[in-house]
Protein backbone atom coordinates (compact mmCIF):
# COMPACT_ATOMS: atom_id res chain seq x y z
CA UNK A 1 -11.28 15.08 11.51
CA UNK A 2 -13.33 12.24 12.98
CA UNK A 3 -13.73 12.86 16.74
CA UNK A 4 -13.44 9.61 18.75
CA UNK A 5 -16.42 10.02 21.05
CA UNK A 6 -16.59 6.41 22.23
CA UNK A 7 -13.95 7.13 24.90
CA UNK A 8 -15.53 10.39 26.08
CA UNK A 9 -14.97 10.94 29.79
CA UNK A 10 -12.33 8.22 30.06
CA UNK A 11 -8.53 8.24 30.14
CA UNK A 12 -6.58 6.64 27.29
CA UNK A 13 -2.87 5.88 27.05
CA UNK A 14 -1.29 6.41 23.64
CA UNK A 15 2.14 5.37 22.44
CA UNK A 16 3.63 6.54 19.15
CA UNK A 17 3.35 10.18 18.09
CA UNK A 18 4.15 10.00 14.39
CA UNK A 19 1.60 11.26 11.86
CA UNK A 20 -1.19 8.83 12.68
CA UNK A 21 -0.44 8.88 16.41
CA UNK A 22 -0.73 12.65 16.65
CA UNK A 23 -3.96 12.58 14.61
CA UNK A 24 -5.30 9.91 16.98
CA UNK A 25 -4.47 11.94 20.07
CA UNK A 26 -6.22 15.00 18.64
CA UNK A 27 -9.24 12.89 17.65
CA UNK A 28 -9.56 11.40 21.13
CA UNK A 29 -9.23 14.81 22.74
CA UNK A 30 -11.86 16.26 20.39
CA UNK A 31 -14.17 13.39 21.35
CA UNK A 32 -13.93 14.17 25.05
CA UNK A 33 -11.28 11.72 26.23
CA UNK A 34 -8.25 12.50 28.36
CA UNK A 35 -5.13 11.34 26.51
CA UNK A 36 -1.73 10.70 28.05
CA UNK A 37 0.65 10.31 25.12
CA UNK A 38 4.18 9.00 25.00
CA UNK A 39 6.91 8.43 22.42
CA UNK A 40 10.55 7.37 22.51
CA UNK A 41 11.38 10.53 20.53
CA UNK A 42 11.46 13.65 22.78
CA UNK A 43 10.94 15.91 19.75
CA UNK A 44 7.63 14.21 18.98
CA UNK A 45 6.57 14.58 22.60
CA UNK A 46 7.35 18.30 22.41
CA UNK A 47 5.42 18.68 19.14
CA UNK A 48 2.40 16.99 20.72
CA UNK A 49 2.50 19.31 23.71
CA UNK A 50 2.56 22.29 21.36
CA UNK A 51 -0.79 21.06 19.99
CA UNK A 52 -2.31 20.76 23.44
CA UNK A 53 -1.78 17.03 23.95
CA UNK A 54 -0.93 15.89 27.48
CA UNK A 55 2.23 13.77 27.52
CA UNK A 56 3.79 11.64 30.20
CA UNK A 57 6.07 8.72 30.97
CA UNK A 58 3.84 5.66 30.71
CA UNK A 59 6.38 3.47 32.50
CA UNK A 60 5.39 4.98 35.83
CA UNK A 61 1.70 5.47 35.08
CA UNK A 62 -1.18 3.96 37.04
CA UNK A 63 -2.41 1.59 34.34
CA UNK A 64 -5.62 0.70 36.15
CA UNK A 65 -6.89 4.18 35.26
CA UNK A 66 -6.63 3.61 31.49
CA UNK A 67 -9.59 2.48 29.40
CA UNK A 68 -7.29 1.44 26.54
CA UNK A 69 -3.79 1.66 25.14
CA UNK A 70 -3.80 3.03 21.60
CA UNK A 71 -0.65 1.78 19.90
CA UNK A 72 0.87 3.14 16.70
CA UNK A 73 0.96 0.38 14.04
CA UNK A 74 4.74 0.57 13.69
CA UNK A 75 5.23 -0.49 17.32
CA UNK A 76 5.60 -4.27 17.91
CA UNK A 77 2.47 -5.90 19.33
CA UNK A 78 3.67 -9.52 19.51
CA UNK A 79 6.93 -10.09 17.60
CA UNK A 80 9.87 -10.14 17.87
CA UNK A 81 8.82 -9.22 21.43
CA UNK A 82 5.88 -7.08 22.61
CA UNK A 83 6.66 -3.44 23.23
CA UNK A 84 7.00 -2.57 26.91
CA UNK A 85 3.72 -0.63 26.82
CA UNK A 86 1.96 -3.79 25.59
CA UNK A 87 3.38 -5.77 28.51
CA UNK A 88 2.19 -3.13 30.98
CA UNK A 89 -1.26 -2.96 29.38
CA UNK A 90 -1.64 -6.75 29.33
CA UNK A 91 -0.63 -7.04 32.98
CA UNK A 92 -3.28 -4.45 33.91
CA UNK A 93 -5.99 -5.99 31.71
CA UNK A 94 -6.09 -2.92 29.47
CA UNK A 95 -7.09 -3.58 25.82
CA UNK A 96 -4.52 -2.67 23.17
CA UNK A 97 -6.02 -1.14 20.02
CA UNK A 98 -5.13 1.15 17.11
CA UNK A 99 -6.56 4.14 15.28
CA UNK A 100 -8.54 1.97 12.84
CA UNK A 101 -10.34 0.42 15.81
CA UNK A 102 -11.28 3.89 17.03
CA UNK A 103 -12.76 4.65 13.60
CA UNK A 104 -14.67 1.34 13.56
CA UNK A 105 -16.13 2.02 17.00
CA UNK A 106 -17.12 5.55 15.99
CA UNK A 107 -18.77 4.28 12.81
CA UNK A 108 -20.68 1.60 14.72
CA UNK A 109 -21.86 4.12 17.31
CA UNK A 110 -22.80 7.04 15.06
CA UNK A 111 -23.29 5.84 11.48
CA UNK A 112 -23.32 2.04 11.13
CA UNK A 113 -24.63 2.21 7.54
CA UNK A 114 -21.76 4.42 6.35
CA UNK A 115 -19.98 2.70 3.43
CA UNK A 116 -16.53 1.49 4.46
CA UNK A 117 -14.22 -0.24 1.98
CA UNK A 118 -11.11 -1.81 3.54
CA UNK A 119 -8.26 -3.12 1.35
CA UNK A 120 -5.36 -5.35 2.32
CA UNK A 121 -2.94 -7.85 0.77
CA UNK A 122 0.80 -8.19 0.37
CA UNK A 123 1.23 -6.38 -2.95
CA UNK A 124 -0.84 -3.81 -4.81
CA UNK A 125 -2.72 -2.36 -1.82
CA UNK A 126 -1.86 1.27 -2.48
CA UNK A 127 -2.57 1.22 -6.21
CA UNK A 128 -5.86 -0.63 -5.71
CA UNK A 129 -6.94 1.71 -2.92
CA UNK A 130 -6.16 4.79 -5.01
CA UNK A 131 -7.87 3.29 -8.06
CA UNK A 132 -11.06 2.46 -6.15
CA UNK A 133 -11.16 5.97 -4.68
CA UNK A 134 -10.58 7.48 -8.13
CA UNK A 135 -13.37 5.44 -9.76
CA UNK A 136 -15.86 6.29 -7.01
CA UNK A 137 -14.96 9.98 -7.09
CA UNK A 138 -15.33 10.02 -10.89
CA UNK A 139 -18.81 8.52 -10.37
CA UNK A 140 -19.72 11.50 -8.19
CA UNK A 141 -19.32 9.94 -4.76
CA UNK A 142 -18.00 11.75 -1.68
CA UNK A 143 -14.83 9.70 -1.10
CA UNK A 144 -12.42 9.76 1.83
CA UNK A 145 -9.17 7.84 1.20
CA UNK A 146 -6.51 7.08 3.79
CA UNK A 147 -5.22 4.63 6.34
CA UNK A 148 -1.93 3.02 5.39
CA UNK A 149 -1.86 5.24 2.30
CA UNK A 150 -1.52 8.98 2.77
CA UNK A 151 -3.89 10.40 5.37
CA UNK A 152 -4.43 8.96 8.86
CA UNK A 153 -7.97 7.61 9.10
CA UNK A 154 -8.99 9.86 11.99
CA UNK A 155 -7.89 12.93 10.03
CA UNK A 156 -10.59 12.15 7.46
CA UNK A 157 -14.17 13.42 7.58
CA UNK A 158 -16.48 11.38 9.85
CA UNK A 159 -18.42 8.35 8.59
CA UNK A 160 -21.76 9.15 6.97
CA UNK A 161 -24.24 7.24 4.78
CA UNK A 162 -23.46 9.67 1.95
CA UNK A 163 -19.67 9.28 2.25
CA UNK A 164 -17.48 6.32 1.26
CA UNK A 165 -14.30 5.65 3.23
CA UNK A 166 -11.73 3.76 1.13
CA UNK A 167 -9.03 2.63 3.53
CA UNK A 168 -5.80 0.71 2.97
CA UNK A 169 -4.89 -1.52 5.92
CA UNK A 170 -1.56 -3.12 6.74
CA UNK A 171 -1.32 -6.31 8.75
CA UNK A 172 -0.09 -4.21 11.69
CA UNK A 173 -3.27 -2.12 11.59
CA UNK A 174 -5.57 -5.14 11.27
CA UNK A 175 -3.86 -6.73 14.28
CA UNK A 176 -4.92 -3.71 16.37
CA UNK A 177 -8.56 -3.69 15.14
CA UNK A 178 -10.63 -6.38 16.88
CA UNK A 179 -14.02 -5.02 15.73
CA UNK A 180 -13.08 -4.64 12.05
CA UNK A 181 -16.31 -5.06 10.04
CA UNK A 182 -16.19 -3.11 6.76
CA UNK A 183 -19.01 -2.92 4.25
CA UNK A 184 -16.63 -4.38 1.66
CA UNK A 185 -13.43 -6.16 2.63
CA UNK A 186 -10.79 -6.71 -0.06
CA UNK A 187 -7.93 -9.23 0.11
CA UNK A 188 -5.68 -8.98 -2.95
CA UNK A 189 -2.99 -11.63 -2.47
CA UNK A 190 -0.67 -13.16 0.11
CA UNK A 191 3.05 -13.85 -0.05
CA UNK A 192 5.52 -13.97 2.86
CA UNK A 193 6.05 -10.49 4.33
CA UNK A 194 6.68 -8.91 7.74
CA UNK A 195 7.31 -12.32 9.27
CA UNK A 196 9.65 -10.70 11.78
CA UNK A 197 6.58 -8.91 13.16
CA UNK A 198 4.10 -11.80 12.95
CA UNK A 199 6.18 -14.89 13.66
CA UNK A 200 5.30 -17.06 10.67
CA UNK A 201 3.25 -17.14 7.49
CA UNK A 202 0.29 -18.84 9.12
CA UNK A 203 -0.13 -16.03 11.64
CA UNK A 204 0.40 -13.36 8.99
CA UNK A 205 -2.28 -14.91 6.76
CA UNK A 206 -4.68 -15.31 9.69
CA UNK A 207 -4.38 -11.61 10.51
CA UNK A 208 -5.09 -10.65 6.90
CA UNK A 209 -8.06 -13.04 6.81
CA UNK A 210 -9.74 -11.15 9.65
CA UNK A 211 -10.42 -8.22 7.32
CA UNK A 212 -12.65 -10.31 5.06
CA UNK A 213 -14.10 -12.47 7.85
CA UNK A 214 -15.79 -9.46 9.38
CA UNK A 215 -16.86 -7.85 6.11
CA UNK A 216 -20.47 -7.72 4.95
CA UNK A 217 -19.19 -8.48 1.42
CA UNK A 218 -15.76 -10.00 0.75
CA UNK A 219 -13.75 -9.61 -2.46
CA UNK A 220 -10.77 -11.97 -2.67
CA UNK A 221 -8.08 -12.43 -5.30
CA UNK A 222 -7.79 -16.20 -5.55
CA UNK A 223 -4.56 -16.65 -7.50
CA UNK A 224 -2.48 -17.91 -4.57
CA UNK A 225 -3.08 -20.86 -2.29
CA UNK A 226 -3.49 -18.82 0.89
CA UNK A 227 -6.22 -16.64 -0.59
CA UNK A 228 -7.99 -19.60 -2.21
CA UNK A 229 -8.17 -21.25 1.20
CA UNK A 230 -9.49 -18.06 2.78
CA UNK A 231 -12.15 -17.74 0.07
CA UNK A 232 -13.16 -21.37 0.62
CA UNK A 233 -13.71 -20.68 4.33
CA UNK A 234 -15.82 -17.58 3.67
CA UNK A 235 -19.49 -18.17 4.54
CA UNK A 236 -20.99 -14.78 3.63
CA UNK A 237 -21.28 -12.91 0.30
CA UNK A 238 -18.10 -13.34 -1.72
CA UNK A 239 -16.74 -12.22 -5.08
CA UNK A 240 -13.71 -14.11 -6.37
CA UNK A 241 -11.25 -12.33 -8.66
CA UNK A 242 -9.11 -14.43 -11.01
CA UNK A 243 -6.17 -13.41 -13.19
CA UNK A 244 -6.22 -15.63 -16.27
CA UNK A 245 -8.84 -18.30 -16.66
CA UNK A 246 -11.77 -18.64 -14.27
CA UNK A 247 -11.19 -20.83 -11.27
CA UNK A 248 -13.67 -22.25 -8.80
CA UNK A 249 -16.97 -20.38 -8.95
CA UNK A 250 -17.96 -17.39 -11.08
CA UNK A 251 -16.24 -14.10 -10.44
CA UNK A 252 -14.39 -11.19 -12.00
CA UNK A 253 -11.66 -12.12 -14.48
CA UNK A 254 -8.59 -10.22 -15.64
CA UNK A 255 -7.28 -11.81 -18.81
CA UNK A 256 -4.91 -10.33 -21.37
CA UNK A 257 -5.43 -6.83 -20.02
CA UNK A 258 -9.24 -7.12 -20.24
CA UNK A 259 -11.46 -6.93 -17.15
CA UNK A 260 -14.35 -9.38 -17.61
CA UNK A 261 -17.46 -9.77 -15.46
CA UNK A 262 -17.67 -13.55 -15.26
CA UNK A 263 -20.74 -13.39 -13.03
CA UNK A 264 -22.85 -12.62 -16.10
CA UNK A 265 -23.99 -15.14 -18.68
CA UNK A 266 -22.37 -14.83 -21.10
CA UNK A 267 -19.30 -13.25 -19.47
CA UNK A 268 -19.09 -9.58 -20.36
CA UNK A 269 -15.89 -7.58 -21.09
CA UNK A 270 -15.93 -4.43 -18.97
CA UNK A 271 -12.70 -2.53 -19.64
CA UNK A 272 -9.48 -2.74 -21.65
CA UNK A 273 -6.28 -1.60 -19.92
CA UNK A 274 -4.33 -1.27 -23.18
CA UNK A 275 -2.78 2.17 -23.49
CA UNK A 276 -3.37 3.18 -19.86
CA UNK A 277 0.17 4.01 -18.76
CA UNK A 278 -0.67 4.16 -15.06
CA UNK A 279 -1.92 0.54 -15.18
CA UNK A 280 0.88 -1.16 -17.07
CA UNK A 281 1.77 -4.76 -16.35
CA UNK A 282 -0.06 -7.96 -15.52
CA UNK A 283 0.00 -7.15 -11.81
CA UNK A 284 -2.32 -4.22 -12.53
CA UNK A 285 -4.86 -6.54 -14.18
CA UNK A 286 -5.75 -7.83 -10.73
CA UNK A 287 -5.80 -4.30 -9.27
CA UNK A 288 -8.25 -3.16 -11.94
CA UNK A 289 -10.44 -6.25 -11.62
CA UNK A 290 -10.64 -5.82 -7.85
CA UNK A 291 -11.53 -2.15 -8.32
CA UNK A 292 -14.34 -3.15 -10.69
CA UNK A 293 -15.66 -5.68 -8.17
CA UNK A 294 -15.82 -2.96 -5.50
CA UNK A 295 -17.25 -0.29 -7.81
CA UNK A 296 -19.96 -2.57 -9.16
CA UNK A 297 -20.95 -3.58 -5.63
CA UNK A 298 -21.41 0.11 -4.88
CA UNK A 299 -23.53 0.74 -7.97
CA UNK A 300 -21.01 2.09 -10.49
CA UNK A 301 -21.90 1.05 -14.04
CA UNK A 302 -19.41 -0.73 -16.32
CA UNK A 303 -19.31 2.26 -18.68
CA UNK A 304 -18.58 4.68 -15.85
CA UNK A 305 -15.88 2.33 -14.53
CA UNK A 306 -14.15 2.06 -17.93
CA UNK A 307 -14.23 5.84 -18.39
CA UNK A 308 -12.67 6.39 -14.95
CA UNK A 309 -9.84 3.91 -15.63
CA UNK A 310 -8.68 5.99 -18.57
CA UNK A 311 -8.12 9.03 -16.32
CA UNK A 312 -6.40 7.26 -13.41
CA UNK A 313 -3.14 9.14 -12.75
CA UNK A 314 -1.45 6.34 -10.84
CA UNK A 315 0.59 6.70 -7.68
CA UNK A 316 3.77 8.69 -7.20
CA UNK A 317 6.81 6.40 -7.11
CA UNK A 318 4.91 3.35 -8.39
CA UNK A 319 5.39 2.83 -12.13
CA UNK A 320 5.13 6.63 -12.44
CA UNK A 321 5.80 8.10 -15.88
CA UNK A 322 8.18 11.03 -15.42
CA UNK A 323 8.58 11.93 -19.07
CA UNK A 324 10.18 11.11 -22.42
CA UNK A 325 13.30 12.23 -24.20
CA UNK A 326 13.23 11.14 -27.80
CA UNK A 327 12.07 7.51 -27.73
CA UNK A 328 13.22 6.96 -24.13
CA UNK A 329 10.56 6.65 -21.41
CA UNK A 330 11.61 7.38 -17.80
CA UNK A 331 9.77 5.46 -15.05
CA UNK A 332 9.92 6.16 -11.31
CA UNK A 333 9.27 2.93 -9.40
CA UNK A 334 11.06 3.92 -6.19
CA UNK A 335 8.33 2.26 -4.12
CA UNK A 336 9.72 -1.11 -5.25
CA UNK A 337 11.74 -1.84 -2.12
CA UNK A 338 12.04 -5.60 -2.65
CA UNK A 339 12.56 -8.03 -5.52
CA UNK A 340 8.92 -9.14 -5.61
CA UNK A 341 7.81 -5.57 -6.24
CA UNK A 342 10.52 -4.93 -8.83
CA UNK A 343 9.45 -8.09 -10.68
CA UNK A 344 6.16 -6.34 -11.54
CA UNK A 345 8.02 -3.45 -13.15
CA UNK A 346 10.50 -5.59 -15.10
CA UNK A 347 7.67 -7.73 -16.46
CA UNK A 348 5.93 -4.64 -17.85
CA UNK A 349 8.65 -3.57 -20.32
CA UNK A 350 10.51 -5.49 -23.05
CA UNK A 351 13.70 -3.38 -22.98
CA UNK A 352 14.96 -1.82 -19.74
CA UNK A 353 17.85 0.31 -18.57
CA UNK A 354 17.55 -0.59 -14.91
CA UNK A 355 18.68 1.59 -11.99
CA UNK A 356 18.78 -0.48 -8.82
CA UNK A 357 20.39 -0.75 -5.41
CA UNK A 358 20.24 0.67 -1.92
CA UNK A 359 19.98 -1.08 1.41
CA UNK A 360 19.51 -4.74 0.38
CA UNK A 361 16.68 -6.99 1.48
CA UNK A 362 17.05 -10.68 2.31
CA UNK A 363 17.28 -12.76 -0.85
CA UNK A 364 18.66 -9.99 -3.02
CA UNK A 365 17.67 -10.06 -6.70
CA UNK A 366 18.40 -13.69 -7.60
CA UNK A 367 14.67 -14.34 -8.02
CA UNK A 368 14.60 -11.79 -10.86
CA UNK A 369 16.88 -13.87 -13.12
CA UNK A 370 14.03 -14.79 -15.53
CA UNK A 371 13.74 -11.08 -16.37
CA UNK A 372 17.46 -10.45 -16.95
CA UNK A 373 17.10 -10.92 -20.74
CA UNK A 374 14.92 -7.79 -20.75
CA UNK A 375 17.68 -5.69 -19.18
CA UNK A 376 19.88 -3.86 -21.68
CA UNK A 377 22.10 -2.49 -18.90
CA UNK A 378 21.99 -2.19 -15.11
CA UNK A 379 23.19 0.83 -13.16
CA UNK A 380 24.10 0.02 -9.55
CA UNK A 381 23.81 2.46 -6.67
CA UNK A 382 24.18 2.27 -2.92
CA UNK A 383 25.15 -0.40 -0.42
CA UNK A 384 23.88 -3.36 -2.45
CA UNK A 385 26.22 -2.70 -5.39
CA UNK A 386 28.70 -5.50 -4.65
CA UNK A 387 26.04 -8.13 -3.99
CA UNK A 388 24.01 -7.17 -7.03
CA UNK A 389 27.09 -7.05 -9.24
CA UNK A 390 27.86 -10.65 -8.24
CA UNK A 391 24.33 -11.73 -9.17
CA UNK A 392 24.33 -9.91 -12.51
CA UNK A 393 27.86 -10.85 -13.55
CA UNK A 394 27.80 -12.89 -16.73
CA UNK A 395 24.09 -12.31 -17.28
CA UNK A 396 23.52 -8.55 -17.53
CA UNK A 397 26.03 -5.80 -18.41
CA UNK A 398 26.25 -3.35 -15.53
CA UNK A 399 27.96 -0.21 -14.28
CA UNK A 400 28.82 0.70 -10.70
CA UNK A 401 27.45 4.23 -10.57
CA UNK A 402 27.42 4.76 -6.83
CA UNK A 403 24.97 7.65 -6.77
CA UNK A 404 21.54 8.15 -8.29
CA UNK A 405 22.70 11.27 -10.13
CA UNK A 406 25.49 9.35 -11.85
CA UNK A 407 23.12 6.50 -12.69
CA UNK A 408 20.50 8.78 -14.26
CA UNK A 409 23.10 10.57 -16.37
CA UNK A 410 24.66 7.34 -17.66
CA UNK A 411 21.35 5.55 -18.19
CA UNK A 412 19.87 8.49 -20.11
CA UNK A 413 22.83 8.54 -22.49
CA UNK A 414 22.97 4.80 -23.06
CA UNK A 415 19.22 4.47 -23.49
CA UNK A 416 19.18 7.25 -26.07
CA UNK A 417 21.78 5.34 -28.06
CA UNK A 418 19.83 2.08 -27.70
CA UNK A 419 18.40 0.85 -31.00
CA UNK A 420 15.31 -0.61 -29.31
CA UNK A 421 11.96 0.88 -30.27
CA UNK A 422 11.07 2.29 -26.84
CA UNK A 423 13.88 1.83 -24.33
CA UNK A 424 12.88 2.50 -20.74
CA UNK A 425 15.02 3.99 -18.00
CA UNK A 426 13.54 2.35 -14.93
CA UNK A 427 14.30 3.22 -11.33
CA UNK A 428 13.11 0.09 -9.52
CA UNK A 429 15.68 -0.41 -6.76
CA UNK A 430 14.57 -3.72 -5.17
CA UNK A 431 16.03 -2.23 -1.98
CA UNK A 432 15.21 -0.03 0.96
CA UNK A 433 16.34 3.56 0.58
CA UNK A 434 17.90 4.30 3.94
CA UNK A 435 21.55 4.03 2.93
CA UNK A 436 21.40 7.22 0.82
CA UNK A 437 17.89 8.69 1.20
CA UNK A 438 15.39 9.56 3.92
CA UNK A 439 12.70 7.35 2.38
CA UNK A 440 11.60 5.78 -0.89
CA UNK A 441 9.63 9.00 -1.50
CA UNK A 442 12.81 11.06 -1.16
CA UNK A 443 14.61 8.70 -3.54
CA UNK A 444 11.78 8.94 -6.08
CA UNK A 445 11.57 12.72 -5.76
CA UNK A 446 15.30 13.04 -6.44
CA UNK A 447 15.01 10.73 -9.46
CA UNK A 448 12.12 12.80 -10.80
CA UNK A 449 14.09 16.04 -10.34
CA UNK A 450 17.16 14.60 -12.07
CA UNK A 451 15.12 13.38 -15.04
CA UNK A 452 13.20 16.63 -15.38
CA UNK A 453 16.51 18.50 -15.53
CA UNK A 454 17.55 16.56 -18.66
CA UNK A 455 17.50 18.75 -21.78
CA UNK A 456 14.72 17.95 -24.21
CA UNK A 457 12.51 16.07 -21.76
CA UNK A 458 8.79 16.01 -22.60
CA UNK A 459 6.29 15.63 -19.73
CA UNK A 460 3.88 12.66 -19.67
CA UNK A 461 1.13 12.97 -22.26
CA UNK A 462 2.96 15.64 -24.26
């Protein structure tokens, strides 16, 4: 745990007692603050009390006594309307912050030279964060990974000059972190996302830009117009990362699956992603190139970086190899909850038996039409079945399977009979999971269990 000592002796209001909220309350208490915590869920309030956290109804609180409101990132700050706690805090002149801000203040107060790598973007954040942490750990560094991926930041060990914090940040978290100033700030890419929470694309991009504006060293993927403009406005140290040919200024290149250090003369190939199953697809070229830019800035040699890539296990539920049966490869991409994410998976394989569906997102799967020729057969599950069937009709043969269990059974049989060299059974739903599952993790876990129960399945690497 990282105790939040910067509010010692003061009273802090906290709203949102999920995983990160509870960790924040415990951190503040350990640092000497009085915390009055609240949540709309009575069960969460009770669980907090069991851990010694004081709870109360913030609607009737005396807000002039609070030094800050710490808001969970899932709670609306500005759009579609501010949460009622935000209105009360604003009226009382109380600053509204999040758990990342508490970490930043603690780092500034106790260990300002502690290495802090912050990663954001629309797509690829989790894979890039995990890859950076893996490379640094393989190089012998003490690495703490968390934030929007896995562990709440204040549950990690405290900042120290000998310890690197590698932290994934969502736009919601950045919006609650006014003093964000990482050692290295990474911006991968920007496409429209979470506009219901930020109002419009301009505001969303401006929030993301703040991560690199405050960074001592910025690393920016410059393959979209928003990020190119952000890189152009950057006045401090900057490394540009290009996929394909070099753009404006020297940088790190990712071309044809090769990571190239274009800052050297002549440009020097650093690593080849061919054969690394956890880094399939062109979208992972950028992830790997960004990871190299970070690792090299922190003193990792090219040889050590290349060696670490080869042992990267990947993330659960993101292009995760579950196993093989005969020539058929089974891939769990349950984290693909929208069409943009599923596009990355479809582009990675030439012949796909595609399991998709769930609670549909706006726009459906029409944007994936260029990849339909790769789909041998589609297996529809969940609430989106009718809409997706209408989109696929006449372009891709499909079956209405209803449930994931039925889809896995049918896809396994049809893929085994497929004459293609390496047919792939791909769960990449392009949908939220909440119609049939608790979460995308639950959906992916059930897919993994169903596949592992198939007779004759070989585990990855066997």
